[in-house]
Amino acid sequence: MKRWLLVLGIYAAVAVCAAFGVLGADPMRQDGARLLEPPGAHALLGTDHLGRDVFAQTLHGARVALLVGGFAAGLAVALGAGLGVLAGWRRGWFDALAGWLAGAVAAVPSVLLILGLAQILGRGFAAVYLAVGLASWVQCFRIVRAETLRLADREFVLAARAAGASDRRILLHHLLPNLAPLLLVQFALHFVFAVKVEVVVSFLGLGLPLGAPSWGAMIGHAPDDLAQHVWWPLAAATLAMAGLVLAVHRLADGLRERLDPAEAPAA
């Protein structure tokens, strides 16, 4: 079995556990008698400063990361790839307008733009993934546009045009299948970026509603925890985020190798 299939299985298991909360206790339940309890039999990963189960919070944080990362990456890739394909295919005024819009968005540092959008949209899942997605599509747009310009002059596209194929058919049946490996890699990169940004935004208190368990909130309380020699909430959130990021990277590489003929090993 290829390693990327194993990663896919691990990723699916984490997704199921995070989505349905089949493991751990209620992440919001507080127990004043068990404040800052170290990992043990009663709490697998210990408890935090409010007596909440760190293991349950880590699982809930995984659900937040999967939802925000998936929706934000999907929005960024859909917006960037859609504009990139149309700009590279139509060219002319549409290309110039899309390029100007991408340049205007790129002129603002992405972190500042995300924080500004998060402040405007308010708290909640939708606000976070909308802010991240709307602020991070430019890279995908530029890469997809350049690849579309390259593919538009290839023989198979010229042959389809000569055969009378419509623009829609060429885009759907000739260009998009060749762009699929590239879009997959872009989705993985945007997913990782969105997970990291969600942690930063929650760390700054601008993301999810106050008190909602997330990896960013767990890391945000680390200075106070470490001052009391409490390391387990920080370690749990950091290791969980690192594991998810590495799994997504490896999964994207494996799928790209499967889908892209250029990556196939020589016979």
Protein backbone atom coordinates (compact mmCIF):
# COMPACT_ATOMS: atom_id res chain seq x y z
CA MET A 1 0.00 0.00 0.00
CA LYS A 2 1.34 3.38 -0.96
CA ARG A 3 2.16 5.77 1.84
CA TRP A 4 -0.29 8.38 0.62
CA LEU A 5 -3.15 5.89 0.99
CA LEU A 6 -2.16 5.42 4.62
CA VAL A 7 -2.16 9.19 5.06
CA LEU A 8 -5.60 9.33 3.46
CA GLY A 9 -6.85 6.76 5.97
CA ILE A 10 -5.41 8.70 8.90
CA TYR A 11 -6.86 11.94 7.57
CA ALA A 12 -10.29 10.35 7.13
CA ALA A 13 -10.20 8.93 10.66
CA VAL A 14 -9.30 12.35 12.08
CA ALA A 15 -12.08 13.94 10.05
CA VAL A 16 -14.69 11.47 11.32
CA CYS A 17 -13.60 11.81 14.95
CA ALA A 18 -13.50 15.59 14.71
CA ALA A 19 -16.82 15.88 12.89
CA PHE A 20 -18.87 13.62 15.12
CA GLY A 21 -17.02 13.93 18.41
CA VAL A 22 -17.01 10.20 19.00
CA LEU A 23 -14.01 10.47 21.28
CA GLY A 24 -13.37 12.53 24.39
CA ALA A 25 -15.65 14.55 26.65
CA ASP A 26 -17.61 17.73 26.07
CA PRO A 27 -14.97 20.38 25.17
CA MET A 28 -16.98 23.12 26.91
CA ARG A 29 -17.59 21.29 30.18
CA GLN A 30 -15.74 22.95 33.07
CA ASP A 31 -14.70 21.20 36.26
CA GLY A 32 -13.38 23.45 39.00
CA ALA A 33 -12.04 20.48 40.94
CA ARG A 34 -9.74 19.42 38.08
CA LEU A 35 -7.97 22.62 37.04
CA LEU A 36 -4.66 22.14 35.17
CA GLU A 37 -4.69 18.40 35.75
CA PRO A 38 -1.76 16.69 33.98
CA PRO A 39 -2.34 13.89 31.44
CA GLY A 40 -3.53 10.73 33.11
CA ALA A 41 -6.26 8.14 33.36
CA HIS A 42 -9.05 10.64 34.07
CA ALA A 43 -8.01 13.01 31.27
CA LEU A 44 -5.93 11.55 28.45
CA LEU A 45 -4.27 14.90 27.63
CA GLY A 46 -4.98 16.62 30.93
CA THR A 47 -7.20 19.65 31.59
CA ASP A 48 -6.78 23.37 31.02
CA HIS A 49 -7.11 26.42 33.30
CA LEU A 50 -10.90 26.06 33.34
CA GLY A 51 -10.91 22.32 33.98
CA ARG A 52 -11.87 21.50 30.39
CA ASP A 53 -10.67 18.28 28.78
CA VAL A 54 -7.71 19.07 26.51
CA PHE A 55 -8.27 15.95 24.41
CA ALA A 56 -11.85 16.99 23.65
CA GLN A 57 -10.70 20.51 22.83
CA THR A 58 -8.04 19.15 20.48
CA LEU A 59 -10.65 17.10 18.61
CA HIS A 60 -12.98 20.07 18.43
CA GLY A 61 -10.06 22.17 17.19
CA ALA A 62 -9.51 19.60 14.44
CA ARG A 63 -13.12 20.02 13.36
CA VAL A 64 -12.66 23.79 13.27
CA ALA A 65 -9.44 23.42 11.25
CA LEU A 66 -11.04 21.01 8.75
CA LEU A 67 -14.12 23.20 8.25
CA VAL A 68 -12.27 26.50 7.98
CA GLY A 69 -9.42 25.04 5.93
CA GLY A 70 -11.72 23.19 3.54
CA PHE A 71 -14.16 26.03 2.93
CA ALA A 72 -11.49 28.74 2.73
CA ALA A 73 -9.28 26.71 0.37
CA GLY A 74 -12.27 25.80 -1.76
CA LEU A 75 -13.33 29.44 -2.03
CA ALA A 76 -9.80 30.65 -2.83
CA VAL A 77 -9.18 27.96 -5.48
CA ALA A 78 -12.63 28.34 -7.05
CA LEU A 79 -12.30 32.11 -7.27
CA GLY A 80 -8.65 32.14 -8.35
CA ALA A 81 -8.94 29.25 -10.81
CA GLY A 82 -12.19 30.54 -12.29
CA LEU A 83 -10.78 33.99 -12.95
CA GLY A 84 -7.43 32.55 -14.03
CA VAL A 85 -8.92 30.21 -16.63
CA LEU A 86 -11.21 32.90 -18.05
CA ALA A 87 -8.43 35.50 -18.11
CA GLY A 88 -5.99 33.15 -19.82
CA TRP A 89 -8.57 31.95 -22.30
CA ARG A 90 -10.40 35.18 -23.19
CA ARG A 91 -7.44 37.54 -22.77
CA GLY A 92 -8.10 41.11 -23.88
CA TRP A 93 -10.05 43.41 -21.56
CA PHE A 94 -11.13 40.61 -19.22
CA ASP A 95 -7.53 39.58 -18.66
CA ALA A 96 -6.55 43.19 -17.98
CA LEU A 97 -9.45 43.70 -15.55
CA ALA A 98 -8.76 40.45 -13.67
CA GLY A 99 -5.06 41.27 -13.50
CA TRP A 100 -5.81 44.72 -12.10
CA LEU A 101 -8.12 43.23 -9.45
CA ALA A 102 -5.49 40.64 -8.47
CA GLY A 103 -2.86 43.36 -8.24
CA ALA A 104 -5.10 45.50 -6.04
CA VAL A 105 -5.71 42.60 -3.64
CA ALA A 106 -2.02 41.62 -3.63
CA ALA A 107 -1.00 45.20 -2.83
CA VAL A 108 -2.40 44.77 0.68
CA PRO A 109 -0.48 42.35 2.97
CA SER A 110 -2.58 39.21 3.21
CA VAL A 111 -2.50 39.06 7.01
CA LEU A 112 -3.71 42.66 7.32
CA LEU A 113 -6.42 42.04 4.73
CA ILE A 114 -7.60 38.91 6.52
CA LEU A 115 -7.66 40.64 9.89
CA GLY A 116 -9.55 43.57 8.40
CA LEU A 117 -12.13 41.33 6.74
CA ALA A 118 -12.49 39.27 9.92
CA GLN A 119 -13.12 42.47 11.88
CA ILE A 120 -15.76 43.59 9.36
CA LEU A 121 -17.50 40.22 9.01
CA GLY A 122 -17.51 39.54 12.75
CA ARG A 123 -17.00 36.27 14.57
CA GLY A 124 -17.94 32.79 13.43
CA PHE A 125 -16.93 30.02 11.02
CA ALA A 126 -18.33 31.77 7.96
CA ALA A 127 -16.52 35.02 8.74
CA VAL A 128 -13.15 33.26 9.10
CA TYR A 129 -13.26 31.17 5.94
CA LEU A 130 -14.73 34.02 3.89
CA ALA A 131 -11.97 36.35 5.08
CA VAL A 132 -9.23 33.82 4.35
CA GLY A 133 -10.68 32.75 0.99
CA LEU A 134 -11.28 36.28 -0.29
CA ALA A 135 -7.78 37.38 0.69
CA SER A 136 -5.77 34.41 -0.64
CA TRP A 137 -6.97 33.68 -4.20
CA VAL A 138 -4.40 35.81 -6.04
CA GLN A 139 -1.59 33.23 -6.12
CA CYS A 140 -3.90 30.58 -7.55
CA PHE A 141 -5.19 33.07 -10.13
CA ARG A 142 -1.72 33.91 -11.40
CA ILE A 143 -0.55 30.30 -11.60
CA VAL A 144 -3.72 29.06 -13.32
CA ARG A 145 -3.73 32.00 -15.75
CA ALA A 146 -0.13 31.29 -16.78
CA GLU A 147 -0.86 27.58 -17.24
CA THR A 148 -4.01 28.34 -19.25
CA LEU A 149 -2.03 30.63 -21.56
CA ARG A 150 0.45 27.80 -22.10
CA LEU A 151 -2.20 25.14 -22.71
CA ALA A 152 -4.29 27.34 -25.00
CA ASP A 153 -1.60 27.10 -27.71
CA ARG A 154 -1.06 23.35 -27.41
CA GLU A 155 -1.87 21.05 -30.32
CA PHE A 156 -4.80 19.27 -28.66
CA VAL A 157 -6.55 22.59 -27.99
CA LEU A 158 -5.91 23.86 -31.52
CA ALA A 159 -7.22 20.56 -32.89
CA ALA A 160 -10.38 20.86 -30.80
CA ARG A 161 -10.91 24.39 -32.07
CA ALA A 162 -10.39 23.26 -35.67
CA ALA A 163 -12.97 20.49 -35.12
CA GLY A 164 -15.53 23.12 -34.12
CA ALA A 165 -15.62 22.47 -30.37
CA SER A 166 -17.18 25.25 -28.33
CA ASP A 167 -15.23 27.24 -25.75
CA ARG A 168 -17.22 25.55 -22.98
CA ARG A 169 -16.36 22.08 -24.24
CA ILE A 170 -12.67 22.94 -24.60
CA LEU A 171 -12.55 24.40 -21.10
CA LEU A 172 -14.38 21.50 -19.46
CA HIS A 173 -13.00 18.56 -21.41
CA HIS A 174 -9.51 19.66 -22.41
CA LEU A 175 -8.18 22.40 -20.14
CA LEU A 176 -9.63 21.52 -16.73
CA PRO A 177 -8.46 17.86 -16.76
CA ASN A 178 -4.92 19.10 -17.45
CA LEU A 179 -5.23 21.69 -14.70
CA ALA A 180 -6.53 19.18 -12.12
CA PRO A 181 -3.12 18.22 -10.60
CA LEU A 182 -2.18 21.90 -10.34
CA LEU A 183 -5.50 22.76 -8.68
CA LEU A 184 -5.07 19.91 -6.23
CA VAL A 185 -1.69 21.22 -5.13
CA GLN A 186 -3.12 24.73 -4.87
CA PHE A 187 -5.97 23.45 -2.71
CA ALA A 188 -3.51 21.74 -0.37
CA LEU A 189 -1.38 24.87 -0.07
CA HIS A 190 -4.40 27.08 0.58
CA PHE A 191 -5.75 24.55 3.08
CA VAL A 192 -2.52 24.67 5.05
CA PHE A 193 -2.45 28.46 4.85
CA ALA A 194 -6.07 28.67 6.06
CA VAL A 195 -5.39 26.37 9.02
CA LYS A 196 -2.43 28.49 10.08
CA VAL A 197 -4.33 31.74 9.64
CA GLU A 198 -7.29 30.43 11.65
CA VAL A 199 -4.88 29.71 14.50
CA VAL A 200 -3.44 33.24 14.26
CA VAL A 201 -6.86 34.89 14.05
CA SER A 202 -8.20 32.88 16.99
CA PHE A 203 -4.99 33.62 18.89
CA LEU A 204 -5.71 37.34 18.43
CA GLY A 205 -9.35 36.88 19.50
CA LEU A 206 -10.84 37.88 16.12
CA GLY A 207 -11.98 34.51 14.82
CA LEU A 208 -14.45 32.19 16.49
CA PRO A 209 -16.79 33.30 19.28
CA LEU A 210 -15.09 33.83 22.63
CA GLY A 211 -14.75 30.61 24.58
CA ALA A 212 -15.09 28.35 21.52
CA PRO A 213 -12.36 25.69 21.72
CA SER A 214 -9.88 25.85 18.84
CA TRP A 215 -6.17 25.29 18.39
CA GLY A 216 -5.61 29.03 18.21
CA ALA A 217 -7.39 29.62 21.49
CA MET A 218 -5.38 26.82 23.14
CA ILE A 219 -2.10 28.28 21.86
CA GLY A 220 -3.21 31.78 22.81
CA HIS A 221 -3.37 30.84 26.48
CA ALA A 222 0.08 29.19 26.36
CA PRO A 223 2.01 32.08 28.01
CA ASP A 224 -0.11 31.86 31.15
CA ASP A 225 0.00 28.05 31.09
CA LEU A 226 3.77 27.89 30.67
CA ALA A 227 4.22 30.34 33.53
CA GLN A 228 2.64 27.65 35.73
CA HIS A 229 4.69 24.85 34.09
CA VAL A 230 1.62 23.62 32.23
CA TRP A 231 2.72 22.44 28.78
CA TRP A 232 0.11 19.91 27.66
CA PRO A 233 -2.51 22.24 26.06
CA LEU A 234 0.18 23.90 23.93
CA ALA A 235 1.77 20.57 23.01
CA ALA A 236 -1.57 19.01 22.05
CA ALA A 237 -2.63 21.90 19.81
CA THR A 238 0.80 22.30 18.19
CA LEU A 239 1.30 18.60 17.46
CA ALA A 240 -2.25 18.24 16.13
CA MET A 241 -1.78 21.19 13.76
CA ALA A 242 1.63 19.92 12.59
CA GLY A 243 0.24 16.44 11.97
CA LEU A 244 -2.69 17.75 9.94
CA VAL A 245 -0.47 20.03 7.86
CA LEU A 246 2.02 17.25 7.09
CA ALA A 247 -0.79 14.81 6.24
CA VAL A 248 -2.38 17.25 3.80
CA HIS A 249 0.96 17.92 2.10
CA ARG A 250 1.70 14.20 1.75
CA LEU A 251 -1.81 13.43 0.54
CA ALA A 252 -1.61 16.17 -2.12
CA ASP A 253 1.77 14.90 -3.31
CA GLY A 254 0.49 11.34 -3.58
CA LEU A 255 -2.66 12.30 -5.45
CA ARG A 256 -0.67 14.56 -7.79
CA GLU A 257 1.62 11.65 -8.61
CA ARG A 258 -1.41 9.51 -9.38
CA LEU A 259 -3.22 12.11 -11.50
CA ASP A 260 -0.34 13.78 -13.36
CA PRO A 261 1.11 11.55 -16.14
CA ALA A 262 4.32 13.59 -16.07
CA GLU A 263 4.92 12.39 -12.49
CA ALA A 264 4.50 8.71 -13.30
CA PRO A 265 7.65 6.59 -12.97
CA ALA A 266 9.31 5.41 -16.15
CA ALA A 267 8.59 1.84 -17.17
